[in-house]
Amino acid sequence: MNKYTATVIKTGNSYALRVPKNYVEDSSLELGQKVQVVSPVLIQKKQDPQAIKKAIRNLQKINAFSGIKDPVKWQREIRKDRPLPGRE
């Protein structure tokens, strides 16, 4: 993954990212094209294994899954594909 330095600029009532010409060329972007960028918060956030273990222990203490009679059936129902919005 290439890293580029972007500059935040104010444009009227909004903000824009000014990126190097190489970014546009490497991404084959056209003038006016809309692109999605990943949130920096998502990139930096890491899982905490101890917090996950603690959460699982807490779920066990309160019997959060006691209402599930057949775990295999429950999991299959949870994982069922659902129609995507706008698709038949």
C-alpha atoms as a PDB file:
ATOM      1  CA  MET A   1       0.000   0.000   0.000  1.00  0.00           C
ATOM      2  CA  ASN A   2       1.426   3.347  -1.039  1.00  0.00           C
ATOM      3  CA  LYS A   3       1.244   6.217   1.399  1.00  0.00           C
ATOM      4  CA  TYR A   4       0.591   9.763   0.259  1.00  0.00           C
ATOM      5  CA  THR A   5       0.615  12.994   2.207  1.00  0.00           C
ATOM      6  CA  ALA A   6      -2.682  14.847   1.847  1.00  0.00           C
ATOM      7  CA  THR A   7      -3.385  18.415   2.901  1.00  0.00           C
ATOM      8  CA  VAL A   8      -6.747  19.429   4.357  1.00  0.00           C
ATOM      9  CA  ILE A   9      -8.043  22.635   2.767  1.00  0.00           C
ATOM     10  CA  LYS A  10     -11.186  24.669   3.446  1.00  0.00           C
ATOM     11  CA  THR A  11     -13.493  25.099   0.458  1.00  0.00           C
ATOM     12  CA  GLY A  12     -16.478  27.272   1.344  1.00  0.00           C
ATOM     13  CA  ASN A  13     -18.711  25.299   3.725  1.00  0.00           C
ATOM     14  CA  SER A  14     -16.761  22.049   3.427  1.00  0.00           C
ATOM     15  CA  TYR A  15     -13.291  20.589   3.561  1.00  0.00           C
ATOM     16  CA  ALA A  16     -11.251  18.868   0.872  1.00  0.00           C
ATOM     17  CA  LEU A  17      -8.112  16.763   0.756  1.00  0.00           C
ATOM     18  CA  ARG A  18      -5.442  18.027  -1.567  1.00  0.00           C
ATOM     19  CA  VAL A  19      -3.420  15.010  -2.688  1.00  0.00           C
ATOM     20  CA  PRO A  20      -0.270  14.732  -4.790  1.00  0.00           C
ATOM     21  CA  LYS A  21      -0.601  14.311  -8.548  1.00  0.00           C
ATOM     22  CA  ASN A  22       0.923  10.805  -8.208  1.00  0.00           C
ATOM     23  CA  TYR A  23      -2.063   9.740  -6.092  1.00  0.00           C
ATOM     24  CA  VAL A  24      -4.478  10.691  -8.863  1.00  0.00           C
ATOM     25  CA  GLU A  25      -2.337   9.097 -11.565  1.00  0.00           C
ATOM     26  CA  ASP A  26      -1.647   5.865  -9.626  1.00  0.00           C
ATOM     27  CA  SER A  27      -5.354   5.483  -8.873  1.00  0.00           C
ATOM     28  CA  SER A  28      -6.378   6.330 -12.464  1.00  0.00           C
ATOM     29  CA  LEU A  29      -8.794   8.990 -11.222  1.00  0.00           C
ATOM     30  CA  GLU A  30     -10.658  11.376 -13.492  1.00  0.00           C
ATOM     31  CA  LEU A  31     -11.386  15.004 -12.683  1.00  0.00           C
ATOM     32  CA  GLY A  32     -14.593  15.220 -10.632  1.00  0.00           C
ATOM     33  CA  GLN A  33     -14.670  11.483  -9.879  1.00  0.00           C
ATOM     34  CA  LYS A  34     -15.882  10.567  -6.401  1.00  0.00           C
ATOM     35  CA  VAL A  35     -13.775   8.123  -4.376  1.00  0.00           C
ATOM     36  CA  GLN A  36     -14.139   6.490  -0.982  1.00  0.00           C
ATOM     37  CA  VAL A  37     -11.310   6.708   1.524  1.00  0.00           C
ATOM     38  CA  VAL A  38     -10.864   4.553   4.601  1.00  0.00           C
ATOM     39  CA  SER A  39     -11.386   6.221   7.948  1.00  0.00           C
ATOM     40  CA  PRO A  40      -8.048   6.650   9.734  1.00  0.00           C
ATOM     41  CA  VAL A  41      -9.711   5.534  12.983  1.00  0.00           C
ATOM     42  CA  LEU A  42     -10.472   2.120  11.478  1.00  0.00           C
ATOM     43  CA  ILE A  43      -6.908   1.667  10.299  1.00  0.00           C
ATOM     44  CA  GLN A  44      -5.367   2.404  13.699  1.00  0.00           C
ATOM     45  CA  LYS A  45      -7.815   0.512  15.896  1.00  0.00           C
ATOM     46  CA  LYS A  46      -6.474  -2.849  17.056  1.00  0.00           C
ATOM     47  CA  GLN A  47      -8.235  -5.644  18.860  1.00  0.00           C
ATOM     48  CA  ASP A  48      -7.534  -6.131  22.533  1.00  0.00           C
ATOM     49  CA  PRO A  49      -7.501  -9.901  23.233  1.00  0.00           C
ATOM     50  CA  GLN A  50      -7.876  -9.365  26.977  1.00  0.00           C
ATOM     51  CA  ALA A  51     -10.967  -7.198  26.482  1.00  0.00           C
ATOM     52  CA  ILE A  52     -12.490  -9.831  24.197  1.00  0.00           C
ATOM     53  CA  LYS A  53     -11.866 -12.570  26.786  1.00  0.00           C
ATOM     54  CA  LYS A  54     -13.392 -10.379  29.502  1.00  0.00           C
ATOM     55  CA  ALA A  55     -16.486  -9.735  27.354  1.00  0.00           C
ATOM     56  CA  ILE A  56     -16.938 -13.467  26.732  1.00  0.00           C
ATOM     57  CA  ARG A  57     -16.601 -14.215  30.464  1.00  0.00           C
ATOM     58  CA  ASN A  58     -19.216 -11.552  31.232  1.00  0.00           C
ATOM     59  CA  LEU A  59     -21.601 -13.095  28.678  1.00  0.00           C
ATOM     60  CA  GLN A  60     -21.079 -16.476  30.311  1.00  0.00           C
ATOM     61  CA  LYS A  61     -21.790 -15.052  33.782  1.00  0.00           C
ATOM     62  CA  ILE A  62     -25.140 -13.609  32.738  1.00  0.00           C
ATOM     63  CA  ASN A  63     -26.081 -16.701  30.688  1.00  0.00           C
ATOM     64  CA  ALA A  64     -26.585 -14.556  27.589  1.00  0.00           C
ATOM     65  CA  PHE A  65     -26.984 -17.590  25.336  1.00  0.00           C
ATOM     66  CA  SER A  66     -29.143 -19.738  27.620  1.00  0.00           C
ATOM     67  CA  GLY A  67     -32.196 -19.216  25.387  1.00  0.00           C
ATOM     68  CA  ILE A  68     -30.526 -20.936  22.433  1.00  0.00           C
ATOM     69  CA  LYS A  69     -31.716 -24.539  22.428  1.00  0.00           C
ATOM     70  CA  ASP A  70     -29.944 -25.723  19.262  1.00  0.00           C
ATOM     71  CA  PRO A  71     -26.693 -23.755  18.661  1.00  0.00           C
ATOM     72  CA  VAL A  72     -26.125 -25.247  15.196  1.00  0.00           C
ATOM     73  CA  LYS A  73     -29.622 -24.294  14.023  1.00  0.00           C
ATOM     74  CA  TRP A  74     -29.300 -20.839  15.609  1.00  0.00           C
ATOM     75  CA  GLN A  75     -25.991 -20.188  13.862  1.00  0.00           C
ATOM     76  CA  ARG A  76     -27.367 -21.282  10.482  1.00  0.00           C
ATOM     77  CA  GLU A  77     -30.289 -18.888  10.872  1.00  0.00           C
ATOM     78  CA  ILE A  78     -27.973 -16.046  11.854  1.00  0.00           C
ATOM     79  CA  ARG A  79     -25.751 -16.643   8.818  1.00  0.00           C
ATOM     80  CA  LYS A  80     -28.592 -16.916   6.275  1.00  0.00           C
ATOM     81  CA  ASP A  81     -28.071 -14.719   3.273  1.00  0.00           C
ATOM     82  CA  ARG A  82     -30.531 -11.904   3.055  1.00  0.00           C
ATOM     83  CA  PRO A  83     -31.482  -9.977  -0.072  1.00  0.00           C
ATOM     84  CA  LEU A  84     -29.327  -6.917  -0.571  1.00  0.00           C
ATOM     85  CA  PRO A  85     -31.116  -3.573  -0.856  1.00  0.00           C
ATOM     86  CA  GLY A  86     -32.027  -2.741  -4.450  1.00  0.00           C
ATOM     87  CA  ARG A  87     -31.438  -6.280  -5.708  1.00  0.00           C
ATOM     88  CA  GLU A  88     -33.976  -8.929  -6.609  1.00  0.00           C
END
